[in-house]
Protein backbone atom coordinates (compact mmCIF):
# COMPACT_ATOMS: atom_id res chain seq x y z
CA MET A 1 57.61 19.42 13.54
CA ARG A 2 56.06 21.58 16.27
CA ALA A 3 54.89 24.11 13.69
CA GLU A 4 53.38 21.33 11.60
CA HIS A 5 51.62 19.95 14.67
CA ASN A 6 50.18 23.38 15.51
CA SER A 7 49.00 23.86 11.94
CA ARG A 8 46.92 20.73 12.21
CA ASN A 9 45.18 21.78 15.41
CA PRO A 10 42.64 24.13 13.73
CA TRP A 11 41.62 21.32 11.39
CA ARG A 12 41.17 18.95 14.31
CA VAL A 13 39.12 21.52 16.18
CA ALA A 14 36.95 22.13 13.12
CA LEU A 15 36.47 18.39 12.61
CA ALA A 16 35.54 17.90 16.25
CA GLY A 17 33.07 20.79 16.01
CA ALA A 18 31.48 19.29 12.92
CA VAL A 19 31.13 15.91 14.64
CA LEU A 20 29.57 17.50 17.72
CA ALA A 21 27.17 19.49 15.53
CA ALA A 22 26.16 16.34 13.67
CA VAL A 23 25.59 14.49 16.94
CA ALA A 24 23.58 17.40 18.30
CA ALA A 25 21.50 17.47 15.12
CA VAL A 26 20.25 13.93 15.65
CA ALA A 27 20.19 13.94 19.45
CA PRO A 28 16.74 13.97 21.04
CA ALA A 29 15.64 17.44 22.05
CA GLN A 30 12.47 18.82 23.54
CA MET A 31 10.27 20.26 20.82
CA SER A 32 6.96 22.03 21.33
CA LEU A 33 3.72 20.75 19.85
CA THR A 34 3.38 23.97 17.84
CA THR A 35 6.71 23.36 16.10
CA VAL A 36 5.83 19.74 15.34
CA VAL A 37 2.47 20.72 13.85
CA GLU A 38 4.03 23.42 11.68
CA LEU A 39 6.69 21.01 10.41
CA ALA A 40 4.05 18.36 9.69
CA GLN A 41 1.94 20.82 7.72
CA LYS A 42 4.95 21.73 5.58
CA ASN A 43 6.33 18.22 5.13
CA SER A 44 3.11 16.19 4.78
CA ALA A 45 2.83 14.32 1.48
CA ALA A 46 -0.92 14.93 1.45
CA VAL A 47 -0.34 18.68 1.82
CA ARG A 48 2.21 18.73 -0.99
CA LEU A 49 -0.16 16.79 -3.24
CA ALA A 50 -2.92 19.28 -2.44
CA GLN A 51 -0.55 22.13 -3.28
CA ALA A 52 0.19 20.50 -6.65
CA ASP A 53 -3.55 20.14 -7.29
CA LEU A 54 -4.02 23.82 -6.49
CA GLN A 55 -1.28 24.80 -8.92
CA ARG A 56 -2.88 22.65 -11.61
CA ALA A 57 -6.34 24.12 -10.95
CA THR A 58 -4.92 27.65 -11.11
CA ALA A 59 -3.26 26.86 -14.44
CA GLN A 60 -6.52 25.42 -15.78
CA LEU A 61 -8.37 28.61 -14.81
CA ALA A 62 -5.75 30.71 -16.58
CA GLN A 63 -6.03 28.48 -19.65
CA THR A 64 -9.80 28.88 -19.90
CA ARG A 65 -9.58 32.68 -19.56
CA ASP A 66 -6.66 32.96 -21.97
CA ALA A 67 -8.92 31.79 -24.79
CA PHE A 68 -10.20 35.39 -24.97
CA ILE A 69 -6.66 36.84 -24.97
CA PRO A 70 -5.18 37.21 -28.48
CA SER A 71 -2.34 34.82 -29.24
CA LEU A 72 0.49 35.98 -31.49
CA SER A 73 2.77 33.73 -33.53
CA PHE A 74 5.55 34.33 -36.05
CA GLY A 75 6.84 32.10 -38.83
CA SER A 76 8.85 32.03 -42.03
CA GLY A 77 8.41 30.34 -45.39
CA LEU A 78 11.66 31.33 -47.08
CA PRO A 79 12.41 28.69 -49.74
CA ALA A 80 15.57 26.64 -49.44
CA PHE A 81 15.93 26.08 -53.23
CA PRO A 82 14.69 27.99 -56.28
CA GLU A 83 11.03 27.27 -56.91
CA VAL A 84 9.78 26.13 -60.30
CA GLY A 85 6.29 26.99 -61.53
CA PHE A 86 3.33 28.10 -59.48
CA THR A 87 3.32 26.37 -56.09
CA GLY A 88 -0.07 27.62 -54.93
CA SER A 89 1.23 29.46 -51.87
CA LEU A 90 2.80 32.86 -51.55
CA PRO A 91 6.50 32.82 -50.70
CA SER A 92 6.99 34.88 -47.57
CA ILE A 93 10.07 35.89 -45.65
CA TRP A 94 8.04 35.91 -42.46
CA ASP A 95 4.44 36.01 -41.34
CA SER A 96 2.54 36.67 -38.17
CA THR A 97 -0.88 35.53 -36.99
CA ILE A 98 -3.18 36.83 -34.26
CA GLN A 99 -6.09 34.71 -33.03
CA SER A 100 -8.54 34.98 -30.18
CA MET A 101 -12.02 33.99 -29.12
CA VAL A 102 -14.51 36.84 -29.00
CA PHE A 103 -17.73 35.24 -27.82
CA SER A 104 -18.59 31.75 -26.55
CA MET A 105 -21.25 30.93 -23.99
CA PRO A 106 -19.79 27.45 -23.30
CA GLN A 107 -16.37 28.97 -22.68
CA ILE A 108 -17.85 31.26 -20.04
CA GLN A 109 -19.24 28.20 -18.27
CA TYR A 110 -15.83 26.55 -18.47
CA ILE A 111 -14.30 29.61 -16.80
CA HIS A 112 -16.86 29.34 -13.98
CA ALA A 113 -16.05 25.63 -13.71
CA ALA A 114 -12.31 26.30 -13.49
CA ARG A 115 -12.84 29.04 -10.89
CA ALA A 116 -14.89 26.64 -8.74
CA GLY A 117 -12.14 24.06 -9.27
CA VAL A 118 -9.58 26.48 -7.82
CA GLN A 119 -11.82 27.08 -4.82
CA SER A 120 -12.18 23.32 -4.33
CA ALA A 121 -8.39 22.86 -4.51
CA GLN A 122 -7.85 25.66 -1.97
CA LEU A 123 -10.28 24.07 0.46
CA SER A 124 -8.75 20.65 -0.14
CA LEU A 125 -5.36 22.10 0.76
CA LYS A 126 -6.78 23.55 3.96
CA ASP A 127 -8.36 20.18 4.76
CA ALA A 128 -5.03 18.40 4.19
CA ARG A 129 -3.26 20.87 6.49
CA GLU A 130 -5.87 20.28 9.21
CA GLN A 131 -5.52 16.52 8.86
CA ALA A 132 -1.73 16.78 9.09
CA ALA A 133 -2.13 18.90 12.22
CA LEU A 134 -4.54 16.35 13.72
CA ASP A 135 -2.20 13.42 12.96
CA ALA A 136 0.81 15.25 14.37
CA SER A 137 -1.08 16.39 17.49
CA THR A 138 -2.43 12.95 18.35
CA ALA A 139 0.93 11.25 17.73
CA TYR A 140 2.74 13.90 19.80
CA MET A 141 0.29 13.64 22.73
CA GLU A 142 0.42 9.85 22.63
CA LEU A 143 4.24 9.86 22.60
CA ASP A 144 4.18 12.21 25.60
CA THR A 145 1.73 9.92 27.41
CA VAL A 146 3.70 6.78 26.55
CA GLY A 147 6.85 8.43 27.91
CA ARG A 148 5.18 9.08 31.25
CA GLU A 149 3.71 5.56 31.24
CA LEU A 150 7.19 4.12 30.66
CA ASP A 151 8.46 5.99 33.72
CA ALA A 152 5.61 4.56 35.78
CA VAL A 153 6.14 1.00 34.48
CA ARG A 154 9.85 1.19 35.29
CA GLU A 155 8.89 2.19 38.84
CA GLN A 156 6.57 -0.81 38.92
CA GLU A 157 9.39 -3.07 37.74
CA ARG A 158 11.65 -1.84 40.53
CA ASP A 159 8.88 -2.45 43.07
CA ALA A 160 8.22 -5.88 41.55
CA ALA A 161 11.92 -6.77 41.79
CA ARG A 162 11.92 -5.84 45.49
CA LEU A 163 8.70 -7.84 45.89
CA VAL A 164 10.30 -10.92 44.35
CA ALA A 165 13.36 -10.53 46.60
CA ILE A 166 11.16 -10.25 49.70
CA GLU A 167 9.08 -13.27 48.74
CA GLN A 168 12.25 -15.23 47.98
CA GLN A 169 13.49 -14.61 51.52
CA ARG A 170 10.10 -15.35 53.07
CA ALA A 171 9.74 -18.56 51.06
CA GLU A 172 13.21 -19.72 52.11
CA ALA A 173 12.32 -18.93 55.71
CA GLY A 174 9.08 -20.90 55.38
CA VAL A 175 6.91 -17.86 56.12
CA ASP A 176 5.18 -17.78 52.72
CA SER A 177 4.45 -20.58 50.29
CA LEU A 178 6.12 -21.11 46.94
CA ASP A 179 2.85 -20.11 45.26
CA THR A 180 3.24 -16.58 46.62
CA LEU A 181 6.76 -16.37 45.23
CA LEU A 182 5.61 -17.58 41.82
CA GLN A 183 2.81 -15.01 41.86
CA ALA A 184 5.35 -12.25 42.54
CA GLN A 185 7.55 -13.50 39.68
CA LEU A 186 4.51 -13.56 37.39
CA THR A 187 3.75 -9.94 38.29
CA ALA A 188 7.34 -8.97 37.45
CA ALA A 189 7.15 -10.79 34.09
CA GLN A 190 3.85 -9.10 33.22
CA LEU A 191 5.30 -5.70 34.01
CA LYS A 192 8.30 -6.46 31.80
CA LEU A 193 5.92 -7.30 28.98
CA SER A 194 4.06 -4.03 29.55
CA ARG A 195 7.33 -2.12 29.35
CA LEU A 196 8.32 -3.86 26.13
CA HIS A 197 4.91 -3.07 24.65
CA LEU A 198 5.24 0.61 25.58
CA GLU A 199 8.78 0.79 24.20
CA SER A 200 7.56 -0.67 20.89
CA ARG A 201 4.72 1.81 20.84
CA ALA A 202 7.12 4.69 21.54
CA ALA A 203 9.38 3.57 18.67
CA THR A 204 6.39 3.42 16.30
CA LEU A 205 5.23 6.90 17.33
CA ALA A 206 8.76 8.27 16.93
CA LYS A 207 8.85 6.87 13.40
CA GLN A 208 5.41 8.31 12.67
CA LEU A 209 6.45 11.78 13.87
CA ALA A 210 9.67 11.55 11.87
CA THR A 211 7.66 10.74 8.74
CA LEU A 212 5.25 13.59 9.41
CA THR A 213 7.89 16.23 10.17
CA GLY A 214 10.82 15.07 8.03
CA LEU A 215 13.13 15.03 11.08
CA PRO A 216 15.40 12.10 12.05
CA VAL A 217 13.78 9.26 13.96
CA GLY A 218 14.02 9.77 17.72
CA SER A 219 15.00 13.44 17.50
CA ILE A 220 11.70 14.68 19.02
CA THR A 221 11.13 14.67 22.76
CA PRO A 222 7.65 15.94 23.70
CA ASP A 223 7.33 18.99 25.91
CA HIS A 224 4.27 18.33 28.06
CA ALA A 225 3.91 22.02 28.94
CA SER A 226 3.41 22.89 25.25
CA ILE A 227 0.19 20.85 25.00
CA PRO A 228 -2.81 23.12 25.64
CA GLU A 229 -5.87 21.77 27.35
CA ILE A 230 -8.36 20.45 24.82
CA PRO A 231 -11.78 22.03 25.33
CA ALA A 232 -14.53 19.75 26.58
CA VAL A 233 -16.40 19.82 23.27
CA THR A 234 -19.67 17.96 22.79
CA GLY A 235 -21.76 17.02 19.79
CA ASP A 236 -24.31 19.66 20.78
CA ARG A 237 -21.90 22.39 19.69
CA ALA A 238 -22.95 24.14 16.49
CA ALA A 239 -21.21 22.52 13.54
CA ALA A 240 -19.46 24.55 10.87
CA PRO A 241 -18.73 23.31 7.35
CA THR A 242 -15.42 21.49 7.30
CA PRO A 243 -12.91 22.31 4.53
CA GLY A 244 -13.32 18.79 3.17
CA LEU A 245 -17.09 19.16 2.80
CA GLU A 246 -16.77 22.62 1.27
CA SER A 247 -14.17 21.27 -1.16
CA ALA A 248 -16.53 18.49 -2.25
CA GLN A 249 -19.34 21.00 -2.74
CA ALA A 250 -17.11 23.32 -4.78
CA LEU A 251 -16.02 20.37 -6.92
CA ALA A 252 -19.67 19.47 -7.54
CA LEU A 253 -20.33 23.07 -8.59
CA SER A 254 -17.35 22.91 -10.97
CA ARG A 255 -18.67 19.74 -12.57
CA GLN A 256 -22.10 21.36 -12.90
CA HIS A 257 -20.70 24.38 -14.79
CA GLU A 258 -18.68 22.07 -17.01
CA ALA A 259 -21.76 20.01 -17.84
CA ARG A 260 -23.72 23.18 -18.59
CA GLY A 261 -20.98 24.36 -20.94
CA ASP A 262 -21.06 21.04 -22.83
CA GLU A 263 -24.85 21.28 -23.02
CA GLU A 264 -24.74 24.82 -24.42
CA HIS A 265 -22.76 23.51 -27.38
CA LEU A 266 -26.03 21.90 -28.49
CA TRP A 267 -28.10 25.10 -28.37
CA LEU A 268 -27.02 26.34 -31.83
CA LEU A 269 -25.31 29.30 -30.15
CA PRO A 270 -22.62 30.84 -32.36
CA GLU A 271 -19.01 30.97 -31.33
CA ILE A 272 -17.24 34.07 -32.63
CA GLY A 273 -13.50 34.29 -33.11
CA PHE A 274 -11.16 36.94 -34.41
CA GLY A 275 -8.08 36.47 -36.55
CA ALA A 276 -5.53 38.58 -38.41
CA GLN A 277 -2.56 37.59 -40.56
CA TYR A 278 0.32 39.52 -42.05
CA ASN A 279 2.71 38.18 -44.70
CA ARG A 280 5.94 39.72 -45.89
CA ASN A 281 6.31 38.22 -49.37
CA THR A 282 9.48 37.83 -51.38
CA THR A 283 10.40 37.22 -55.01
CA LEU A 284 13.72 35.64 -54.14
CA LEU A 285 14.37 32.14 -55.49
CA ASN A 286 11.02 32.01 -57.27
CA SER A 287 9.27 33.19 -60.41
CA ILE A 288 6.01 34.12 -58.78
CA ASN A 289 5.76 37.47 -60.66
CA LYS A 290 5.11 35.62 -63.92
CA TYR A 291 1.72 34.54 -62.62
CA PHE A 292 0.42 37.95 -61.55
CA VAL A 293 -1.18 40.53 -63.84
CA GLY A 294 1.24 43.38 -64.18
CA GLY A 295 4.08 41.13 -62.94
CA TYR A 296 4.13 42.54 -59.43
CA LEU A 297 3.77 40.66 -56.19
CA PRO A 298 2.87 42.98 -53.28
CA ALA A 299 5.38 42.69 -50.45
CA ASN A 300 2.98 43.56 -47.63
CA ASN A 301 -0.19 41.52 -47.20
CA LEU A 302 -2.64 41.87 -44.32
CA SER A 303 -5.92 40.09 -43.75
CA SER A 304 -8.30 40.04 -40.78
CA GLY A 305 -11.81 39.02 -39.96
CA PHE A 306 -14.28 37.36 -37.64
CA SER A 307 -15.12 33.67 -37.78
CA ILE A 308 -18.59 32.51 -36.79
CA LYS A 309 -19.13 28.85 -35.98
CA VAL A 310 -22.58 27.37 -35.34
CA PRO A 311 -22.67 23.70 -34.28
CA VAL A 312 -25.61 22.23 -36.21
CA PHE A 313 -25.02 18.53 -35.82
CA ASP A 314 -22.23 16.79 -33.91
CA TRP A 315 -23.08 13.46 -32.33
CA GLY A 316 -19.82 13.54 -30.36
CA LEU A 317 -21.00 16.67 -28.54
CA HIS A 318 -24.20 14.87 -27.51
CA ALA A 319 -22.16 12.03 -26.02
CA LYS A 320 -19.79 14.47 -24.28
CA SER A 321 -22.75 16.34 -22.81
CA ARG A 322 -24.19 13.13 -21.36
CA GLU A 323 -20.80 12.17 -19.93
CA SER A 324 -20.25 15.51 -18.18
CA ALA A 325 -23.84 15.45 -16.84
CA ALA A 326 -23.15 12.05 -15.28
CA GLU A 327 -19.91 13.33 -13.73
CA ALA A 328 -21.76 16.33 -12.29
CA LEU A 329 -24.37 14.02 -10.78
CA ARG A 330 -21.67 11.81 -9.29
CA ALA A 331 -19.85 14.79 -7.76
CA ARG A 332 -23.08 16.08 -6.23
CA VAL A 333 -23.91 12.67 -4.75
CA GLU A 334 -20.37 12.32 -3.37
CA ALA A 335 -20.69 15.72 -1.68
CA GLU A 336 -23.98 14.64 -0.11
CA GLN A 337 -22.44 11.34 0.94
CA ALA A 338 -19.50 13.14 2.56
CA GLN A 339 -21.94 15.31 4.53
CA GLN A 340 -23.87 12.24 5.69
CA GLN A 341 -20.70 10.43 6.74
CA ASN A 342 -19.55 13.48 8.68
CA ASP A 343 -22.91 13.66 10.48
CA ILE A 344 -22.61 9.97 11.38
CA GLN A 345 -19.05 10.51 12.61
CA ILE A 346 -20.21 13.39 14.82
CA ALA A 347 -22.93 11.18 16.32
CA GLN A 348 -20.50 8.31 16.94
CA LEU A 349 -17.85 10.55 18.45
CA SER A 350 -20.43 12.27 20.67
CA THR A 351 -21.57 8.90 22.03
CA SER A 352 -18.07 7.55 22.60
CA LEU A 353 -16.96 10.86 24.07
CA ARG A 354 -19.54 10.62 26.83
CA GLU A 355 -18.35 7.09 27.64
CA LEU A 356 -14.69 8.09 27.54
CA ASP A 357 -15.41 11.05 29.81
CA ALA A 358 -17.00 8.70 32.35
CA LEU A 359 -14.14 6.22 32.04
CA ALA A 360 -11.58 8.99 32.59
CA GLU A 361 -13.46 10.11 35.71
CA ILE A 362 -13.57 6.55 37.04
CA ALA A 363 -9.88 6.01 36.33
CA SER A 364 -9.01 9.27 38.11
CA LEU A 365 -11.04 8.29 41.16
CA LYS A 366 -9.43 4.84 41.24
CA GLN A 367 -6.01 6.45 41.12
CA GLN A 368 -6.90 8.73 44.05
CA ILE A 369 -8.24 5.78 46.03
CA ALA A 370 -5.11 3.75 45.30
CA GLY A 371 -2.99 6.70 46.40
CA GLU A 372 -4.85 6.94 49.72
CA GLN A 373 -4.58 3.19 50.23
CA LEU A 374 -0.84 3.37 49.60
CA LYS A 375 -0.50 6.07 52.24
CA SER A 376 -2.45 3.92 54.70
CA VAL A 377 -0.32 0.84 53.99
CA GLU A 378 2.93 2.80 54.33
CA ALA A 379 1.71 4.26 57.65
CA GLN A 380 0.84 0.83 58.99
CA LEU A 381 4.18 -0.58 57.91
CA GLU A 382 5.97 2.26 59.67
CA LEU A 383 3.86 2.56 62.84
CA GLY A 384 2.07 -0.78 63.02
CA ASN A 385 -1.67 -1.32 63.20
CA GLY A 386 -1.94 0.70 66.37
CA GLU A 387 -3.63 -2.11 68.35
CA GLY A 388 -0.69 -4.36 69.02
CA ASN A 389 -1.47 -8.04 69.36
CA ALA A 390 -4.75 -7.62 71.19
CA PRO A 391 -7.45 -10.18 70.43
CA GLY A 392 -9.49 -9.19 67.36
CA SER A 393 -6.97 -6.67 66.17
CA PRO A 394 -6.02 -6.78 62.44
CA PRO A 395 -2.79 -8.61 61.68
CA GLN A 396 0.38 -6.65 61.13
CA LEU A 397 0.99 -6.02 57.40
CA SER A 398 3.90 -7.82 55.78
CA PRO A 399 6.53 -5.97 53.66
CA THR A 400 5.02 -7.51 50.54
CA ALA A 401 1.84 -5.51 51.08
CA GLY A 402 3.73 -2.26 50.69
CA GLN A 403 5.31 -3.28 47.41
CA GLN A 404 1.99 -4.58 46.11
CA ALA A 405 0.27 -1.32 47.06
CA ARG A 406 2.90 0.69 45.21
CA ILE A 407 2.52 -1.48 42.11
CA ASP A 408 -1.26 -1.14 42.27
CA GLU A 409 -1.08 2.66 42.68
CA ARG A 410 1.18 2.98 39.64
CA GLN A 411 -1.19 0.75 37.65
CA LYS A 412 -4.12 2.98 38.47
CA TYR A 413 -1.97 5.93 37.41
CA LEU A 414 -1.31 4.20 34.07
CA ASP A 415 -5.02 3.55 33.59
CA ALA A 416 -5.78 7.22 34.29
CA LEU A 417 -3.14 8.34 31.77
CA ASP A 418 -4.51 6.05 29.07
CA ALA A 419 -8.10 7.11 29.71
CA GLY A 420 -7.10 10.77 29.51
CA LEU A 421 -5.27 10.18 26.22
CA GLN A 422 -8.26 8.45 24.64
CA LEU A 423 -10.51 11.27 25.80
CA SER A 424 -8.19 13.92 24.33
CA LYS A 425 -7.96 12.13 20.98
CA ALA A 426 -11.73 11.79 20.79
CA ARG A 427 -12.18 15.48 21.56
CA LEU A 428 -9.73 16.48 18.84
CA ASN A 429 -11.46 14.27 16.28
CA LEU A 430 -14.83 15.73 17.25
CA LEU A 431 -13.43 19.26 16.90
CA ARG A 432 -12.36 18.43 13.37
CA ALA A 433 -15.69 16.80 12.48
CA LEU A 434 -17.53 19.88 13.80
CA GLY A 435 -15.40 22.18 11.66
CA HIS A 436 -13.61 23.85 14.60
CA MET A 437 -10.13 22.43 14.08
CA GLN A 438 -8.86 25.92 13.32
CA ASP A 439 -9.76 26.94 16.89
CA TRP A 440 -7.32 24.32 18.15
CA LEU A 441 -4.60 25.49 15.76
CA ASP A 442 -5.11 29.12 16.84
CA GLU A 443 -4.76 28.06 20.47
CA LEU A 444 -1.55 26.21 19.66
CA ARG A 445 0.03 29.36 18.25
CA THR A 446 -0.53 31.16 21.54
CA LYS A 447 1.44 28.56 23.52
């Protein structure tokens, strides 16, 4: 029995280790912003769709170029039953055919169109990766800010609870009115609501980051030290073409080449192709030799030649040419529209950024003022007003003033955190609109 018990111990240890590893896998752990961005860029659905589009565009380019590469096929026409009479086709054991395009002006345009399509897909993939990085960065920074705000709100709740207790005692002693007690209880209830709102926001951000990175919900704890300072960018900074705009322009160029290729079909330009065929004939199960002079069917047969096709009249080609011209026009207009929308976004972000910068400065100053006022209140509560009860001297502060000052200081701290977050998000969006998102990503990799 002892030996059996000892033999089970390794299994129990292994099971316990597996359970601990599973718990550790889903337990929250600090993760740097760089890691989160890299995971988001790999896991993003938009990025994976862009990768699929790039693979399709690459295959389309290969297909258009392969028209000039000879294709080889083999076949067999061996009869299953004896043939009777002259069937009109030579019985062959096997045959092979080689075909390729030699010259086609429209096909050259289609190759240019496919090559521009690959470039558009590559830029679209880069744009999707930048957008995934932007989404992950903003969600990560907001989760970090919300975490610090939750700590501050919990401090406020503790101060509010002490405030309510103090007012309860003062109301029972008849020092303060019931209205003051109710006001303290209202403050505590409002702070509870603020905490619940922040907890809901933190849960939403955790779910968003889990969706972006593919990790379990709640497994990411932000590391504030991993967030680099966002440069104070302005709309006056020179704008570079964004990957999204360049992708739209490359797509418009692709549609233009495609429309030109369809139009060249109408120019009476010849299309030249090459073909060769070899047949290995047989006289098995047939009487084909009766129908040839001399009664001999050659076993080896080879034919080759060039085919020249000149489109003289094809109303379908006219309609296709008009359709592709309209698509090219639409793609060009969409590229211009994307550029205009990006310019408008830069102007809007530049305006709001100036306002957010001023709001962040005001919030920071209010926090500093509240901090100094808290120090003054705490000093007065500890040492008194310094003038005793002399006529005209300010009244001695009550204990409620200290709690209220602490709550107010933490509120100003919360306002400063929120203003800083909104400023950072606006700066990141402006960086992306100006085409400098890659600068931010490069800076992340150095952290």
